[in-house]
Amino acid sequence: MFTHSTRRWLAGIGVAGAFVAASATPALAEPAVDDLLLYANDALIAPGGEARSVVLLAFTDALPDDVTVTVDRHAVTGFATVTLSDKLKGCTETDAVITCDLKGADLIDYVLDLTVKATDKAEAGAKGDLLLSLASKGRETVSTRSTIEVGEGVDLQAQEQLNVSGAPGATVKTPVGIANIGDTTTHGAVLFLATMASLSPAQRYGNCSSTEEFGSQLTVCRFDDEIAAGDALQLDGSAGLKIAADAWAPSRQYGQAIWFTKDDFEEFAKGLLPGDGWQQGTGDALKLVPAPAKQASVLRQTDKDPKNNYTFIQASVTGNQRADLAATGAELPGAVGKTVTAKIGFVNNGPAMTNSYTPGEIVTGTRVTVPAGAVVVKAPRECSPGTAEEPTGGYGEPGGRVYFCEWYDTLHKGDAAVFEFGLRIDKVAGTPGEVKLFHFDLEQGDQVADLNPKNDMAALVIKGAGNGGNGGNGGGGGGGTLPITGSSTALIAGLGALLLAAGAGGYVVARRRKTRFVA
């Protein structure tokens, strides 16, 4: 079974959920010292509102064995309480300063997490900086700041869930909305929509911008409407999501709609969302209209309870549309002592897309058996020695006789997964190798068949130079014409560091972690 079955859409969902859970948005620190970068996010709080989190991250090749972290709270003690979120050994408090003597060897990026909450007597507009420093023997102390600001508290609330259904290629209505259940008028709102890449907005509205990042479709829509206390608004009748025409069916597509005050979104987006690559819509503006029934500024506004601002969207894809994955082997000419490149893997013959990690579809693993007389001197980073059940080495490790390979990018009809092996020929015309595909039900983990199981196996053969084959000597080889559709290194690595300590619903994305099939 693939242990993280919703890898692709979780990144986008996690972006929004991270704010809901902690509001931990890292901001770029002051210039690095000795290649050490400190990051800390700002926090916008309100009297009577939820506590927010300030996360300190340190990025360097390796932290020293012993580091001392200090948090100077003097500038915020008049309006906010700042405490350690976790009980850490070696931490003491003197006056308004927290000092922690930590073991750097145990730290990877994440250093500590602070809980920030407005006092009952805090006045809107109050503002100050936390000073966070990291020191170690023989190195200059590095510092950064986190700005803590008291805003005007409001309280928005969204419906918890929206269920829709449609066939591949259909557009489904998405009348998600927001209600002001507080007692203060909200000046504008921002909708952040994160969906699986195969479930995207049907129109390009003039007040919305979109990008594809972290394996997900991200959309931001800004509204200037004032939402009075007790009022409820929803997207107008034109709002909809389009299910990809080559979506697997039946299946389920997921998304999440998160509502922010304008100022909360500014804090959220400051360091967490990509700064470029957004495409602004060119059509009419998406509008907010009164919801069928009510649901119960100069100062910056912050939501006192952001946990109830999101709508979970589930789109059930109807019909019957699957895919055929065909193994691609190679016949490599070469001579003893030469190294050849085998480009092998599989191709999607359609009609449905695959490897989009949609619940309901299959995911494909590849077992590669190396030909007798050949030695793997270079292995792709998507492959590791051994089988799915019993790995015997790490990803990209040479020298194996059998490899198990995983592909992380979505494949549409005609796209291929390509694994490049460097093979040194020690003997010509040995027993052929093999490329064999294994398909797994994404949710159940059981091995299943695709549309045409007969093409799930292909030969990997080495022949003497001049004895046939379709490649050249040395570095060439069969399989070289397969299109490479993307880099598997895009496995939400960019988002990982930023969500280090702010995971949504318990998900913590720390760095690119490989997953394994278990039959």
Protein backbone atom coordinates (compact mmCIF):
# COMPACT_ATOMS: atom_id res chain seq x y z
CA MET A 1 0.00 0.00 0.00
CA PHE A 2 1.21 3.51 -0.66
CA THR A 3 1.52 4.96 2.83
CA HIS A 4 0.76 8.58 1.87
CA SER A 5 -2.06 8.04 -0.58
CA THR A 6 -3.07 11.70 -0.75
CA ARG A 7 0.44 13.08 -1.18
CA ARG A 8 -0.39 15.31 -4.13
CA TRP A 9 -3.42 17.15 -2.78
CA LEU A 10 -2.30 17.10 0.84
CA ALA A 11 0.34 19.70 0.08
CA GLY A 12 -2.24 22.27 -0.97
CA ILE A 13 -4.63 21.29 1.80
CA GLY A 14 -1.75 21.44 4.26
CA VAL A 15 -0.91 24.96 3.22
CA ALA A 16 -4.29 26.20 4.36
CA GLY A 17 -4.53 23.85 7.31
CA ALA A 18 -1.18 24.95 8.61
CA PHE A 19 -2.52 28.46 9.14
CA VAL A 20 -5.68 27.15 10.74
CA ALA A 21 -3.61 25.02 13.09
CA ALA A 22 -0.88 27.44 13.98
CA SER A 23 -0.58 30.55 11.79
CA ALA A 24 3.12 29.76 11.49
CA THR A 25 4.31 31.71 8.49
CA PRO A 26 8.13 31.91 8.40
CA ALA A 27 9.60 35.22 7.36
CA LEU A 28 13.09 35.70 5.94
CA ALA A 29 15.58 36.53 8.62
CA GLU A 30 18.43 38.99 8.67
CA PRO A 31 21.49 38.12 6.54
CA ALA A 32 23.05 34.76 7.29
CA VAL A 33 26.16 34.38 9.41
CA ASP A 34 28.49 31.45 8.69
CA ASP A 35 25.86 30.03 6.34
CA LEU A 36 23.27 29.95 9.13
CA LEU A 37 19.80 31.36 8.35
CA LEU A 38 17.18 32.00 11.00
CA TYR A 39 13.49 32.22 10.12
CA ALA A 40 10.60 33.30 12.32
CA ASN A 41 7.04 34.27 11.44
CA ASP A 42 5.02 37.25 12.61
CA ALA A 43 1.75 36.87 14.53
CA LEU A 44 -1.46 38.92 14.44
CA ILE A 45 -3.51 38.36 17.60
CA ALA A 46 -6.72 39.69 19.19
CA PRO A 47 -8.07 39.89 22.76
CA GLY A 48 -10.20 36.83 23.37
CA GLY A 49 -8.91 35.20 20.20
CA GLU A 50 -7.07 31.95 19.58
CA ALA A 51 -3.39 31.71 20.43
CA ARG A 52 -1.03 31.90 17.46
CA SER A 53 2.31 30.23 16.97
CA VAL A 54 5.73 31.65 16.23
CA VAL A 55 8.11 29.02 14.89
CA LEU A 56 11.88 29.50 14.86
CA LEU A 57 13.70 27.64 12.08
CA ALA A 58 17.46 27.47 11.53
CA PHE A 59 18.85 26.40 8.16
CA THR A 60 22.46 25.32 7.83
CA ASP A 61 24.43 22.30 6.69
CA ALA A 62 24.93 21.20 10.29
CA LEU A 63 24.26 22.84 13.63
CA PRO A 64 26.93 22.61 16.33
CA ASP A 65 26.49 20.05 19.06
CA ASP A 66 25.50 22.70 21.58
CA VAL A 67 23.48 25.85 20.84
CA THR A 68 21.88 28.47 23.06
CA VAL A 69 18.60 30.03 21.97
CA THR A 70 17.25 33.17 23.61
CA VAL A 71 13.83 34.78 23.24
CA ASP A 72 13.62 38.38 24.43
CA ARG A 73 9.97 39.27 25.16
CA HIS A 74 10.45 42.74 26.67
CA ALA A 75 8.80 44.59 23.78
CA VAL A 76 5.53 42.61 23.94
CA THR A 77 4.98 41.89 27.65
CA GLY A 78 2.50 44.78 27.93
CA PHE A 79 -0.04 43.16 25.61
CA ALA A 80 0.88 39.51 24.93
CA THR A 81 1.97 36.36 26.69
CA VAL A 82 4.69 34.33 24.97
CA THR A 83 5.42 30.82 26.21
CA LEU A 84 7.18 27.71 24.97
CA SER A 85 4.72 25.40 23.20
CA ASP A 86 6.78 22.32 24.10
CA LYS A 87 8.52 21.33 27.29
CA LEU A 88 12.20 21.45 26.39
CA LYS A 89 15.06 20.40 28.63
CA GLY A 90 17.57 23.10 29.36
CA CYS A 91 15.14 26.05 29.21
CA THR A 92 14.91 28.72 31.91
CA GLU A 93 13.07 32.04 32.24
CA THR A 94 14.55 35.19 33.76
CA ASP A 95 12.41 38.30 33.72
CA ALA A 96 11.18 38.58 30.09
CA VAL A 97 13.89 36.39 28.55
CA ILE A 98 13.65 32.67 27.76
CA THR A 99 17.01 30.91 27.49
CA CYS A 100 17.31 27.36 26.11
CA ASP A 101 20.53 25.36 26.00
CA LEU A 102 19.84 22.82 23.27
CA LYS A 103 21.69 19.98 21.62
CA GLY A 104 22.19 21.06 18.02
CA ALA A 105 22.86 17.50 16.87
CA ASP A 106 19.22 16.71 17.56
CA LEU A 107 17.93 19.70 15.58
CA ILE A 108 17.03 19.63 11.89
CA ASP A 109 15.72 23.03 10.73
CA TYR A 110 13.06 23.25 13.44
CA VAL A 111 14.37 24.84 16.66
CA LEU A 112 11.43 25.76 18.84
CA ASP A 113 7.76 26.78 18.83
CA LEU A 114 6.29 29.64 20.83
CA THR A 115 2.63 30.17 21.76
CA VAL A 116 1.53 33.81 21.55
CA LYS A 117 -1.75 35.05 23.02
CA ALA A 118 -3.18 38.54 23.58
CA THR A 119 -3.84 39.52 27.17
CA ASP A 120 -7.36 40.47 28.20
CA LYS A 121 -6.31 44.11 28.52
CA ALA A 122 -4.47 44.27 25.19
CA GLU A 123 -5.49 47.23 23.06
CA ALA A 124 -5.90 46.96 19.31
CA GLY A 125 -2.95 48.56 17.54
CA ALA A 126 -0.32 47.51 20.08
CA LYS A 127 2.80 46.23 18.37
CA GLY A 128 6.25 44.98 19.29
CA ASP A 129 9.03 42.57 18.28
CA LEU A 130 10.29 39.36 19.78
CA LEU A 131 14.07 39.13 19.44
CA LEU A 132 15.19 35.54 18.81
CA SER A 133 18.89 34.65 18.85
CA LEU A 134 20.98 31.53 18.37
CA ALA A 135 24.54 31.30 19.69
CA SER A 136 27.20 28.60 19.74
CA LYS A 137 30.85 28.36 20.71
CA GLY A 138 33.19 29.80 18.11
CA ARG A 139 30.41 31.35 16.01
CA GLU A 140 28.89 34.79 15.86
CA THR A 141 25.41 35.04 17.36
CA VAL A 142 22.63 35.15 14.76
CA SER A 143 19.33 36.93 15.42
CA THR A 144 15.95 37.52 13.84
CA ARG A 145 12.73 39.27 14.83
CA SER A 146 9.07 38.30 14.98
CA THR A 147 6.56 41.14 14.96
CA ILE A 148 3.60 40.64 17.30
CA GLU A 149 0.61 42.91 16.64
CA VAL A 150 -2.81 43.22 18.25
CA GLY A 151 -5.60 43.54 15.70
CA GLU A 152 -9.34 44.07 15.80
CA GLY A 153 -10.95 40.70 16.45
CA VAL A 154 -13.66 39.37 14.16
CA ASP A 155 -15.20 35.92 13.84
CA LEU A 156 -15.89 34.31 10.47
CA GLN A 157 -17.38 30.85 9.97
CA ALA A 158 -17.71 28.60 6.90
CA GLN A 159 -19.80 25.53 6.20
CA GLU A 160 -17.92 22.41 7.16
CA GLN A 161 -18.34 20.31 4.02
CA LEU A 162 -19.53 20.48 0.43
CA ASN A 163 -20.22 17.26 -1.49
CA VAL A 164 -20.59 17.36 -5.27
CA SER A 165 -20.45 14.80 -8.07
CA GLY A 166 -19.94 14.69 -11.82
CA ALA A 167 -18.39 12.75 -14.69
CA PRO A 168 -14.89 13.40 -16.11
CA GLY A 169 -14.94 16.76 -17.88
CA ALA A 170 -17.99 18.03 -15.97
CA THR A 171 -18.22 21.33 -14.08
CA VAL A 172 -19.75 21.11 -10.61
CA LYS A 173 -21.24 24.07 -8.75
CA THR A 174 -19.38 25.17 -5.61
CA PRO A 175 -21.45 27.75 -3.68
CA VAL A 176 -19.07 27.93 -0.73
CA GLY A 177 -19.72 30.83 1.60
CA ILE A 178 -18.74 32.65 4.76
CA ALA A 179 -20.74 34.08 7.68
CA ASN A 180 -19.83 36.74 10.22
CA ILE A 181 -20.83 35.25 13.56
CA GLY A 182 -19.07 37.93 15.59
CA ASP A 183 -20.17 41.42 16.56
CA THR A 184 -17.75 43.44 14.38
CA THR A 185 -18.14 44.22 10.67
CA THR A 186 -15.47 42.52 8.54
CA HIS A 187 -13.86 44.77 5.92
CA GLY A 188 -13.24 42.46 2.98
CA ALA A 189 -12.33 38.78 2.80
CA VAL A 190 -9.97 36.46 0.93
CA LEU A 191 -10.81 32.96 -0.29
CA PHE A 192 -7.92 30.53 -0.58
CA LEU A 193 -8.81 27.38 -2.54
CA ALA A 194 -6.50 24.37 -2.59
CA THR A 195 -7.55 21.40 -4.73
CA MET A 196 -6.09 18.36 -6.40
CA ALA A 197 -4.61 19.29 -9.76
CA SER A 198 -7.39 17.39 -11.54
CA LEU A 199 -10.06 19.56 -9.88
CA SER A 200 -9.58 23.19 -10.95
CA PRO A 201 -11.67 26.39 -11.10
CA ALA A 202 -13.89 26.37 -14.19
CA GLN A 203 -13.41 30.09 -14.90
CA ARG A 204 -10.60 32.64 -14.64
CA TYR A 205 -12.13 35.47 -12.64
CA GLY A 206 -10.64 38.94 -12.68
CA ASN A 207 -10.32 39.09 -8.88
CA CYS A 208 -8.70 35.65 -8.63
CA SER A 209 -5.21 34.35 -9.37
CA SER A 210 -4.03 30.74 -9.63
CA THR A 211 -0.90 28.65 -9.73
CA GLU A 212 0.06 24.99 -9.67
CA GLU A 213 2.45 24.34 -6.82
CA PHE A 214 3.26 21.46 -4.49
CA GLY A 215 1.28 19.11 -6.75
CA SER A 216 -1.93 21.05 -6.18
CA GLN A 217 -4.04 23.77 -7.79
CA LEU A 218 -3.94 26.93 -5.63
CA THR A 219 -6.37 29.81 -6.18
CA VAL A 220 -6.72 33.11 -4.32
CA CYS A 221 -9.82 35.33 -4.71
CA ARG A 222 -10.05 38.75 -3.06
CA PHE A 223 -13.32 40.48 -2.12
CA ASP A 224 -13.87 44.04 -0.91
CA ASP A 225 -17.34 43.37 0.49
CA GLU A 226 -18.10 44.39 4.04
CA ILE A 227 -19.73 41.57 5.98
CA ALA A 228 -21.83 42.91 8.81
CA ALA A 229 -22.30 41.01 12.04
CA GLY A 230 -24.89 38.30 11.48
CA ASP A 231 -24.67 38.36 7.67
CA ALA A 232 -23.78 35.40 5.47
CA LEU A 233 -22.51 35.54 1.88
CA GLN A 234 -21.63 32.90 -0.69
CA LEU A 235 -20.04 32.72 -4.14
CA ASP A 236 -22.39 33.62 -6.97
CA GLY A 237 -23.97 31.03 -9.26
CA SER A 238 -21.08 31.08 -11.72
CA ALA A 239 -18.66 29.49 -9.23
CA GLY A 240 -17.67 25.96 -10.13
CA LEU A 241 -14.87 23.40 -10.29
CA LYS A 242 -14.06 21.44 -13.43
CA ILE A 243 -13.20 17.76 -13.16
CA ALA A 244 -10.36 16.89 -15.55
CA ALA A 245 -11.53 15.15 -18.72
CA ASP A 246 -9.04 12.32 -18.14
CA ALA A 247 -9.81 11.91 -14.43
CA TRP A 248 -9.91 8.35 -13.18
CA ALA A 249 -13.48 7.15 -12.67
CA PRO A 250 -14.96 6.25 -10.38
CA SER A 251 -12.79 8.17 -7.93
CA ARG A 252 -12.88 11.02 -5.43
CA GLN A 253 -11.26 14.42 -5.82
CA TYR A 254 -10.61 16.65 -2.84
CA GLY A 255 -10.19 20.31 -2.08
CA GLN A 256 -10.47 22.83 0.70
CA ALA A 257 -11.79 26.38 0.75
CA ILE A 258 -10.36 28.62 3.48
CA TRP A 259 -11.60 32.11 4.28
CA PHE A 260 -9.37 34.82 5.75
CA THR A 261 -9.63 38.40 6.77
CA LYS A 262 -7.48 40.47 4.42
CA ASP A 263 -4.85 41.01 7.11
CA ASP A 264 -4.72 37.37 8.20
CA PHE A 265 -4.18 36.35 4.59
CA GLU A 266 -1.32 38.84 4.29
CA GLU A 267 0.39 37.16 7.24
CA PHE A 268 -0.37 33.70 5.90
CA ALA A 269 0.91 34.36 2.39
CA LYS A 270 3.96 36.40 3.34
CA GLY A 271 6.39 33.52 3.44
CA LEU A 272 4.33 30.40 2.91
CA LEU A 273 2.91 30.85 -0.59
CA PRO A 274 5.04 31.23 -3.73
CA GLY A 275 5.71 34.86 -4.57
CA ASP A 276 5.65 34.43 -8.34
CA GLY A 277 4.10 32.16 -10.95
CA TRP A 278 0.55 33.35 -10.22
CA GLN A 279 -1.71 33.91 -13.24
CA GLN A 280 -4.25 36.68 -12.82
CA GLY A 281 -7.70 35.98 -14.22
CA THR A 282 -8.97 38.07 -17.14
CA GLY A 283 -12.72 37.50 -16.87
CA ASP A 284 -15.43 39.19 -14.85
CA ALA A 285 -15.00 39.32 -11.10
CA LEU A 286 -16.33 36.51 -8.95
CA LYS A 287 -18.93 38.01 -6.63
CA LEU A 288 -20.33 37.37 -3.19
CA VAL A 289 -24.12 37.25 -2.92
CA PRO A 290 -26.42 36.82 0.08
CA ALA A 291 -26.63 33.23 1.22
CA PRO A 292 -30.09 31.62 1.19
CA ALA A 293 -30.25 31.82 4.98
CA LYS A 294 -28.25 33.71 7.57
CA GLN A 295 -25.58 31.91 9.54
CA ALA A 296 -24.90 33.05 12.60
CA SER A 297 -11.67 50.27 9.61
CA VAL A 298 -8.47 51.48 10.34
CA LEU A 299 -7.18 48.71 12.55
CA ARG A 300 -5.96 45.46 11.04
CA GLN A 301 -8.43 42.64 11.53
CA THR A 302 -7.73 39.11 12.64
CA ASP A 303 -10.07 36.15 13.05
CA LYS A 304 -10.39 35.15 16.70
CA ASP A 305 -11.23 31.54 15.77
CA PRO A 306 -9.75 30.57 12.36
CA LYS A 307 -10.41 26.85 12.90
CA ASN A 308 -13.99 27.19 11.61
CA ASN A 309 -13.11 29.05 8.39
CA TYR A 310 -12.67 26.13 6.02
CA THR A 311 -14.96 24.03 3.86
CA PHE A 312 -13.82 20.54 2.93
CA ILE A 313 -14.81 19.78 -0.68
CA GLN A 314 -15.32 16.24 -1.94
CA ALA A 315 -16.15 15.64 -5.60
CA SER A 316 -17.28 12.13 -6.49
CA VAL A 317 -16.26 11.36 -10.06
CA THR A 318 -18.84 9.13 -11.73
CA GLY A 319 -18.49 6.78 -14.69
CA ASN A 320 -15.93 4.15 -15.65
CA GLN A 321 -12.62 5.45 -17.00
CA ARG A 322 -9.34 3.68 -16.26
CA ALA A 323 -5.86 3.41 -17.76
CA ASP A 324 -3.48 0.90 -19.31
CA LEU A 325 0.15 1.11 -18.19
CA ALA A 326 2.62 -0.71 -20.46
CA ALA A 327 6.14 -1.70 -19.43
CA THR A 328 9.00 -0.43 -21.62
CA GLY A 329 12.19 -2.47 -21.72
CA ALA A 330 15.36 -2.04 -23.79
CA GLU A 331 17.75 -3.99 -26.04
CA LEU A 332 21.23 -2.57 -25.53
CA PRO A 333 24.24 -3.19 -27.79
CA GLY A 334 27.64 -3.01 -26.15
CA ALA A 335 31.00 -4.64 -25.54
CA VAL A 336 32.64 -6.07 -22.42
CA GLY A 337 34.02 -3.26 -20.27
CA LYS A 338 31.69 -0.62 -21.70
CA THR A 339 28.94 1.20 -19.77
CA VAL A 340 25.55 1.63 -21.39
CA THR A 341 22.47 3.56 -20.31
CA ALA A 342 19.17 1.70 -20.06
CA LYS A 343 16.12 4.00 -20.20
CA ILE A 344 13.27 1.82 -19.02
CA GLY A 345 9.97 2.18 -17.19
CA PHE A 346 6.39 2.38 -18.39
CA VAL A 347 4.05 4.47 -20.54
CA ASN A 348 0.43 5.46 -19.95
CA ASN A 349 -1.74 4.34 -22.87
CA GLY A 350 -4.78 6.07 -21.32
CA PRO A 351 -7.50 6.99 -21.48
CA ALA A 352 -7.38 8.08 -17.81
CA MET A 353 -4.50 9.89 -16.17
CA THR A 354 -2.61 7.91 -13.57
CA ASN A 355 -0.26 8.51 -10.64
CA SER A 356 -2.29 11.56 -9.67
CA TYR A 357 -2.82 9.90 -6.28
CA THR A 358 -6.57 10.17 -6.52
CA PRO A 359 -8.47 7.92 -4.10
CA GLY A 360 -10.11 5.27 -6.26
CA GLU A 361 -7.34 4.95 -8.86
CA ILE A 362 -4.25 2.72 -8.97
CA VAL A 363 -0.60 3.56 -8.46
CA THR A 364 2.17 1.69 -10.23
CA GLY A 365 5.47 0.33 -9.00
CA THR A 366 8.21 -1.11 -11.21
CA ARG A 367 10.49 -4.05 -10.47
CA VAL A 368 13.69 -4.11 -12.51
CA THR A 369 15.77 -7.27 -12.77
CA VAL A 370 19.31 -6.56 -14.00
CA PRO A 371 20.59 -8.78 -16.87
CA ALA A 372 23.21 -11.36 -15.99
CA GLY A 373 26.68 -10.10 -16.89
CA ALA A 374 25.78 -6.46 -16.18
CA VAL A 375 26.55 -4.42 -13.06
CA VAL A 376 24.59 -1.32 -12.02
CA VAL A 377 27.12 1.51 -11.64
CA LYS A 378 24.51 4.27 -11.58
CA ALA A 379 20.97 3.87 -10.28
CA PRO A 380 18.12 6.42 -10.54
CA ARG A 381 17.06 8.12 -7.34
CA GLU A 382 13.53 6.77 -7.75
CA CYS A 383 14.82 3.19 -7.40
CA SER A 384 16.30 1.20 -4.53
CA PRO A 385 17.80 -2.31 -4.40
CA GLY A 386 15.49 -5.10 -3.30
CA THR A 387 11.77 -5.61 -3.62
CA ALA A 388 8.78 -3.62 -2.38
CA GLU A 389 8.42 -5.97 0.59
CA GLU A 390 12.14 -6.34 1.36
CA PRO A 391 14.32 -3.35 0.41
CA THR A 392 18.03 -4.04 0.70
CA GLY A 393 19.46 -0.59 0.07
CA GLY A 394 18.79 3.11 -0.31
CA TYR A 395 17.43 5.09 -3.24
CA GLY A 396 19.99 5.58 -6.00
CA GLU A 397 22.33 2.97 -4.55
CA PRO A 398 24.32 1.06 -7.22
CA GLY A 399 25.28 -2.61 -7.21
CA GLY A 400 21.87 -4.26 -6.87
CA ARG A 401 20.56 -7.18 -8.88
CA VAL A 402 16.87 -6.32 -8.41
CA TYR A 403 15.42 -2.82 -7.95
CA PHE A 404 12.04 -1.45 -7.01
CA CYS A 405 11.17 1.93 -8.56
CA GLU A 406 8.49 4.47 -7.68
CA TRP A 407 7.22 7.31 -9.88
CA TYR A 408 5.65 10.40 -8.30
CA ASP A 409 4.49 12.53 -11.21
CA THR A 410 1.05 12.45 -12.82
CA LEU A 411 1.04 10.71 -16.20
CA HIS A 412 -1.54 11.64 -18.82
CA LYS A 413 -2.16 9.57 -21.94
CA GLY A 414 1.10 9.26 -23.88
CA ASP A 415 3.32 10.28 -20.95
CA ALA A 416 6.02 7.94 -19.68
CA ALA A 417 7.91 7.18 -16.49
CA VAL A 418 11.59 6.75 -17.34
CA PHE A 419 14.25 5.27 -15.08
CA GLU A 420 17.86 5.57 -16.27
CA PHE A 421 20.28 2.85 -15.19
CA GLY A 422 24.00 2.92 -15.96
CA LEU A 423 25.07 -0.68 -16.66
CA ARG A 424 28.67 -1.84 -16.95
CA ILE A 425 28.94 -4.88 -19.22
CA ASP A 426 31.09 -7.64 -17.75
CA LYS A 427 29.63 -10.39 -19.94
CA VAL A 428 27.69 -10.25 -23.22
CA ALA A 429 24.59 -12.33 -23.99
CA GLY A 430 23.85 -13.31 -20.38
CA THR A 431 20.39 -14.17 -19.08
CA PRO A 432 18.03 -11.26 -19.97
CA GLY A 433 16.72 -8.91 -17.33
CA GLU A 434 13.13 -7.81 -16.90
CA VAL A 435 10.90 -4.79 -16.30
CA LYS A 436 7.69 -5.76 -14.49
CA LEU A 437 4.85 -3.53 -13.36
CA PHE A 438 2.80 -3.91 -10.19
CA HIS A 439 -0.45 -1.97 -9.77
CA PHE A 440 -1.97 -1.24 -6.38
CA ASP A 441 -5.34 0.04 -5.26
CA LEU A 442 -4.53 3.37 -3.69
CA GLU A 443 -6.82 3.01 -0.68
CA GLN A 444 -6.85 -0.72 0.02
CA GLY A 445 -3.23 -1.47 -0.84
CA ASP A 446 -4.19 -4.64 -2.71
CA GLN A 447 -2.48 -5.54 -5.96
CA VAL A 448 -4.90 -5.12 -8.87
CA ALA A 449 -4.88 -5.35 -12.67
CA ASP A 450 -4.92 -2.44 -15.10
CA LEU A 451 -6.80 -2.45 -18.41
CA ASN A 452 -4.27 -4.73 -20.15
CA PRO A 453 -2.13 -6.92 -17.85
CA LYS A 454 -0.49 -8.60 -20.87
CA ASN A 455 1.84 -5.63 -21.47
CA ASP A 456 2.99 -5.27 -17.86
CA MET A 457 6.30 -7.01 -18.51
CA ALA A 458 9.16 -6.22 -20.93
CA ALA A 459 12.66 -7.59 -21.46
CA LEU A 460 15.94 -5.84 -20.65
CA VAL A 461 18.58 -7.39 -22.90
CA ILE A 462 22.28 -6.76 -23.56
CA LYS A 463 23.69 -7.90 -26.91
CA GLY A 464 27.15 -7.69 -28.36
CA ALA A 465 27.86 -4.64 -30.53
CA GLY A 466 26.74 -5.23 -34.10
CA ASN A 467 24.40 -8.07 -33.14
CA GLY A 468 21.24 -6.03 -33.36
CA GLY A 469 19.56 -3.58 -31.09
CA ASN A 470 18.41 -0.04 -31.59
CA GLY A 471 21.02 2.02 -29.77
CA GLY A 472 24.65 2.99 -29.92
CA ASN A 473 27.76 1.90 -28.06
CA GLY A 474 28.77 3.13 -24.63
CA GLY A 475 26.27 5.58 -23.15
CA GLY A 476 23.39 5.00 -25.59
CA GLY A 477 20.65 2.39 -25.42
CA GLY A 478 17.12 1.35 -26.17
CA GLY A 479 14.27 3.21 -24.58
CA GLY A 480 15.84 6.58 -25.30
CA THR A 481 12.82 7.90 -27.17
CA LEU A 482 10.47 7.84 -24.20
CA PRO A 483 9.35 11.33 -23.18
CA ILE A 484 10.29 12.40 -19.67
CA THR A 485 7.32 14.25 -18.20
CA GLY A 486 8.77 15.76 -15.06
CA SER A 487 11.14 15.55 -12.14
CA SER A 488 10.15 13.40 -9.19
CA THR A 489 12.14 15.74 -6.97
CA ALA A 490 9.14 18.09 -6.92
CA LEU A 491 7.66 15.98 -4.10
CA ILE A 492 6.44 18.99 -2.09
CA ALA A 493 10.05 19.64 -1.05
CA GLY A 494 9.63 23.39 -1.38
CA LEU A 495 6.72 23.49 1.01
CA GLY A 496 8.27 21.03 3.41
CA ALA A 497 10.61 23.35 5.25
CA LEU A 498 7.98 26.05 5.55
CA LEU A 499 5.39 23.77 7.16
CA LEU A 500 7.94 22.11 9.41
CA ALA A 501 6.11 22.74 12.64
CA ALA A 502 2.70 23.83 11.42
CA GLY A 503 1.14 20.68 9.97
CA ALA A 504 -2.58 20.53 9.28
CA GLY A 505 -4.60 18.09 11.34
CA GLY A 506 -1.45 16.37 12.55
CA TYR A 507 0.32 16.22 9.20
CA VAL A 508 3.86 17.60 9.48
CA VAL A 509 5.67 17.96 6.19
CA ALA A 510 9.36 18.11 7.10
CA ARG A 511 11.34 17.11 4.02
CA ARG A 512 10.97 14.95 0.97
CA ARG A 513 10.24 11.48 2.32
CA LYS A 514 10.01 8.45 0.06
CA THR A 515 7.13 6.05 0.49
CA ARG A 516 6.92 2.36 -0.23
CA PHE A 517 4.46 -0.12 -1.61
CA VAL A 518 3.67 -3.04 0.66
CA ALA A 519 1.99 -5.93 -1.12
